[in-house]
C-alpha cells in the first residue's frame, strides 16, 4: 500500500493503519531497534511503541516521508530503552558506543533554550550530512542513524574496517568544525 494511503488510514482512525504499517515497515523499524537495543524482545517492544506513538501523532501531523517518521520514532524509543537499561551500569552495546563517539561533537542540556538549540543542531547536522560525498554519507548514516556496527558497515560496503573507521573519524572531525563554525558547538 502507498504511504499516502496508510497515512489516510491513520487520519480516518482505521485499525487497518497499524496492520498496513506493520506489513510495510515492520522489518525496517525492527532492524533499527535491534541495532540499537541488541535484543529481539526490546526491539519488538520499541516497534509496538512506535505504532502506538504514530497512532497518537498522526492526527496532528501528516509526515512527508512515512519511513523517516516511523524510523525516527523507533530510534528514539530504542535509545530510551538502552539508556534505561544502562542507567545504573554504563557500558556495553553499540548504541552507547555510538553516542560516546558523537558526544565529542554535541553538547547536552535540558533547558528550554536547549530544546531550541537541539532543533537548530538537528537542522545543521542534516545540512552537513546532505553535503557529504555519497560514500561518507552512507557510512555516517549507517553508523549514527541505523547504529550499524563498523564491521557490518565494512562488510555491506565492501570496505576495510580501517577505511570505515577512518571515514567516521574524519567525518566527525568535519562535523565538529562545521558545528563550531555555525556556533552550535
Protein backbone atom coordinates (compact mmCIF):
# COMPACT_ATOMS: atom_id res chain seq x y z
CA UNK A 1 0.00 0.00 0.00
CA UNK A 2 1.23 3.52 -0.78
CA UNK A 3 2.41 5.67 2.14
CA UNK A 4 -0.19 8.34 1.42
CA UNK A 5 -2.99 5.77 1.74
CA UNK A 6 -1.51 4.45 5.00
CA UNK A 7 -1.40 7.99 6.40
CA UNK A 8 -5.01 8.48 5.28
CA UNK A 9 -5.95 5.36 7.26
CA UNK A 10 -4.39 6.93 10.36
CA UNK A 11 -6.32 10.13 9.77
CA UNK A 12 -9.53 8.10 9.38
CA UNK A 13 -8.62 6.29 12.65
CA UNK A 14 -8.90 2.95 10.86
CA UNK A 15 -7.49 -0.14 12.60
CA UNK A 16 -6.05 -1.14 9.22
CA UNK A 17 -3.46 1.63 9.59
CA UNK A 18 -1.44 -0.33 12.15
CA UNK A 19 -1.53 -3.62 10.24
CA UNK A 20 -0.60 -1.95 6.94
CA UNK A 21 2.20 -0.03 8.65
CA UNK A 22 3.49 -3.21 10.27
CA UNK A 23 3.34 -5.07 6.99
CA UNK A 24 5.26 -2.39 5.09
CA UNK A 25 7.63 -1.05 7.77
CA UNK A 26 7.75 -3.71 10.49
CA UNK A 27 11.08 -5.20 9.43
CA UNK A 28 12.59 -1.76 8.81
CA UNK A 29 11.67 -0.50 12.28
CA UNK A 30 12.63 -3.78 13.93
CA UNK A 31 16.09 -3.59 12.34
CA UNK A 32 16.61 -0.04 13.60
CA UNK A 33 15.52 -1.01 17.12
CA UNK A 34 17.52 -4.25 17.13
CA UNK A 35 20.71 -2.48 16.01
CA UNK A 36 20.35 -0.14 18.96
CA UNK A 37 18.90 -2.42 21.66
CA UNK A 38 20.58 -5.67 20.71
CA UNK A 39 17.66 -7.96 21.64
CA UNK A 40 14.59 -9.07 19.72
CA UNK A 41 12.40 -8.61 22.77
CA UNK A 42 13.39 -4.96 23.27
CA UNK A 43 13.23 -4.30 19.52
CA UNK A 44 9.71 -5.72 19.34
CA UNK A 45 8.62 -3.56 22.25
CA UNK A 46 10.08 -0.47 20.55
CA UNK A 47 8.26 -1.29 17.32
CA UNK A 48 4.95 -1.74 19.15
CA UNK A 49 5.53 1.56 20.95
CA UNK A 50 6.24 3.14 17.56
CA UNK A 51 2.86 2.05 16.17
CA UNK A 52 1.13 3.45 19.27
CA UNK A 53 3.02 6.75 19.03
CA UNK A 54 2.32 7.02 15.29
CA UNK A 55 -1.39 6.42 16.01
CA UNK A 56 -1.38 9.26 18.54
CA UNK A 57 0.72 11.70 16.49
CA UNK A 58 -0.88 11.20 13.10
CA UNK A 59 -4.00 13.34 13.56
CA UNK A 60 -1.78 16.35 14.32
CA UNK A 61 0.96 15.59 11.80
CA UNK A 62 0.97 14.38 8.23
CA UNK A 63 4.54 13.15 7.70
CA UNK A 64 6.14 13.94 4.37
CA UNK A 65 8.16 10.69 4.42
CA UNK A 66 6.47 7.94 6.42
CA UNK A 67 9.55 5.70 6.66
CA UNK A 68 11.64 8.52 8.14
CA UNK A 69 8.84 9.48 10.53
CA UNK A 70 8.49 5.88 11.79
CA UNK A 71 12.25 5.27 11.81
CA UNK A 72 12.83 8.31 13.97
CA UNK A 73 10.16 7.29 16.47
CA UNK A 74 11.59 3.77 16.64
CA UNK A 75 15.13 5.07 17.03
CA UNK A 76 14.11 7.36 19.89
CA UNK A 77 12.32 4.53 21.71
CA UNK A 78 15.31 2.24 21.24
CA UNK A 79 17.75 4.85 22.55
CA UNK A 80 15.49 5.43 25.56
CA UNK A 81 15.42 1.66 26.11
CA UNK A 82 19.22 1.46 26.09
CA UNK A 83 19.53 4.49 28.38
CA UNK A 84 17.11 2.90 30.84
CA UNK A 85 18.99 -0.39 30.72
CA UNK A 86 22.35 1.31 31.23
CA UNK A 87 21.27 3.95 33.71
CA UNK A 88 22.94 2.26 36.65
CA UNK A 89 25.69 0.47 34.80
CA UNK A 90 27.38 2.23 31.93
CA UNK A 91 28.95 0.23 29.13
CA UNK A 92 28.27 -2.47 26.58
CA UNK A 93 26.15 -2.19 23.47
CA UNK A 94 26.60 -0.48 20.15
CA UNK A 95 24.23 2.39 20.96
CA UNK A 96 26.28 3.52 23.94
CA UNK A 97 29.42 3.41 21.79
CA UNK A 98 27.74 5.45 19.03
CA UNK A 99 26.52 8.07 21.49
CA UNK A 100 30.00 8.29 23.01
CA UNK A 101 31.52 8.79 19.55
CA UNK A 102 29.18 11.69 18.78
CA UNK A 103 29.43 13.21 22.26
CA UNK A 104 32.66 14.95 21.28
CA UNK A 105 30.69 16.96 18.67
CA UNK A 106 27.46 17.65 20.55
CA UNK A 107 26.80 19.11 23.98
CA UNK A 108 23.68 18.40 26.04
CA UNK A 109 21.24 20.10 28.38
CA UNK A 110 17.59 20.21 29.40
CA UNK A 111 16.60 23.89 29.48
CA UNK A 112 14.03 25.41 27.09
CA UNK A 113 16.94 27.12 25.36
CA UNK A 114 18.47 23.68 24.85
CA UNK A 115 15.32 22.46 23.12
CA UNK A 116 15.63 25.30 20.61
CA UNK A 117 19.36 24.65 20.22
CA UNK A 118 18.60 20.96 19.68
CA UNK A 119 16.29 21.82 16.76
CA UNK A 120 18.95 24.10 15.28
CA UNK A 121 21.54 21.37 15.80
CA UNK A 122 19.29 18.83 14.09
CA UNK A 123 18.89 21.09 11.06
CA UNK A 124 22.62 21.82 10.95
CA UNK A 125 23.54 18.13 11.08
CA UNK A 126 21.00 17.39 8.36
CA UNK A 127 22.51 20.11 6.20
CA UNK A 128 26.03 18.85 6.92
CA UNK A 129 25.18 15.26 6.05
CA UNK A 130 23.37 16.24 2.85
CA UNK A 131 26.59 17.88 1.59
CA UNK A 132 28.81 14.86 2.27
CA UNK A 133 30.09 12.80 -0.66
CA UNK A 134 27.96 9.66 -1.14
CA UNK A 135 30.32 7.08 0.47
CA UNK A 136 30.89 9.25 3.57
CA UNK A 137 27.17 9.99 3.82
CA UNK A 138 26.23 6.30 3.63
CA UNK A 139 28.83 5.32 6.24
CA UNK A 140 27.76 8.16 8.56
CA UNK A 141 24.05 7.38 8.27
CA UNK A 142 24.54 3.64 8.73
CA UNK A 143 26.62 4.24 11.84
CA UNK A 144 24.84 7.13 13.51
CA UNK A 145 21.24 6.74 12.35
CA UNK A 146 20.87 2.97 11.97
CA UNK A 147 23.56 2.19 14.62
CA UNK A 148 25.15 -0.49 12.47
CA UNK A 149 28.43 -1.91 13.84
CA UNK A 150 31.60 -0.88 12.00
CA UNK A 151 32.31 -4.48 10.97
CA UNK A 152 28.91 -4.80 9.34
CA UNK A 153 29.25 -1.45 7.52
CA UNK A 154 32.60 -2.59 6.12
CA UNK A 155 31.06 -5.87 5.01
CA UNK A 156 27.98 -4.24 3.41
CA UNK A 157 30.01 -1.64 1.52
CA UNK A 158 32.93 -3.96 0.79
CA UNK A 159 35.39 -1.61 2.51
CA UNK A 160 38.06 -2.47 5.01
CA UNK A 161 37.21 -1.92 8.66
CA UNK A 162 40.04 0.62 8.81
CA UNK A 163 38.59 2.59 5.92
CA UNK A 164 35.20 2.78 7.66
CA UNK A 165 36.79 3.85 10.96
CA UNK A 166 38.92 6.48 9.22
CA UNK A 167 35.91 7.82 7.34
CA UNK A 168 33.89 8.08 10.55
CA UNK A 169 36.76 9.80 12.36
CA UNK A 170 37.27 12.34 9.57
CA UNK A 171 33.54 12.96 9.23
CA UNK A 172 33.14 13.53 12.98
CA UNK A 173 36.07 15.97 12.86
CA UNK A 174 34.45 17.82 9.92
CA UNK A 175 31.11 17.83 11.76
CA UNK A 176 32.69 19.30 14.88
CA UNK A 177 34.35 22.06 12.80
CA UNK A 178 31.08 22.71 10.93
CA UNK A 179 29.10 22.97 14.18
CA UNK A 180 31.70 25.33 15.66
CA UNK A 181 31.50 27.47 12.53
CA UNK A 182 27.70 27.55 12.90
CA UNK A 183 28.04 28.50 16.58
CA UNK A 184 26.40 25.27 17.76
CA UNK A 185 29.34 23.62 19.46
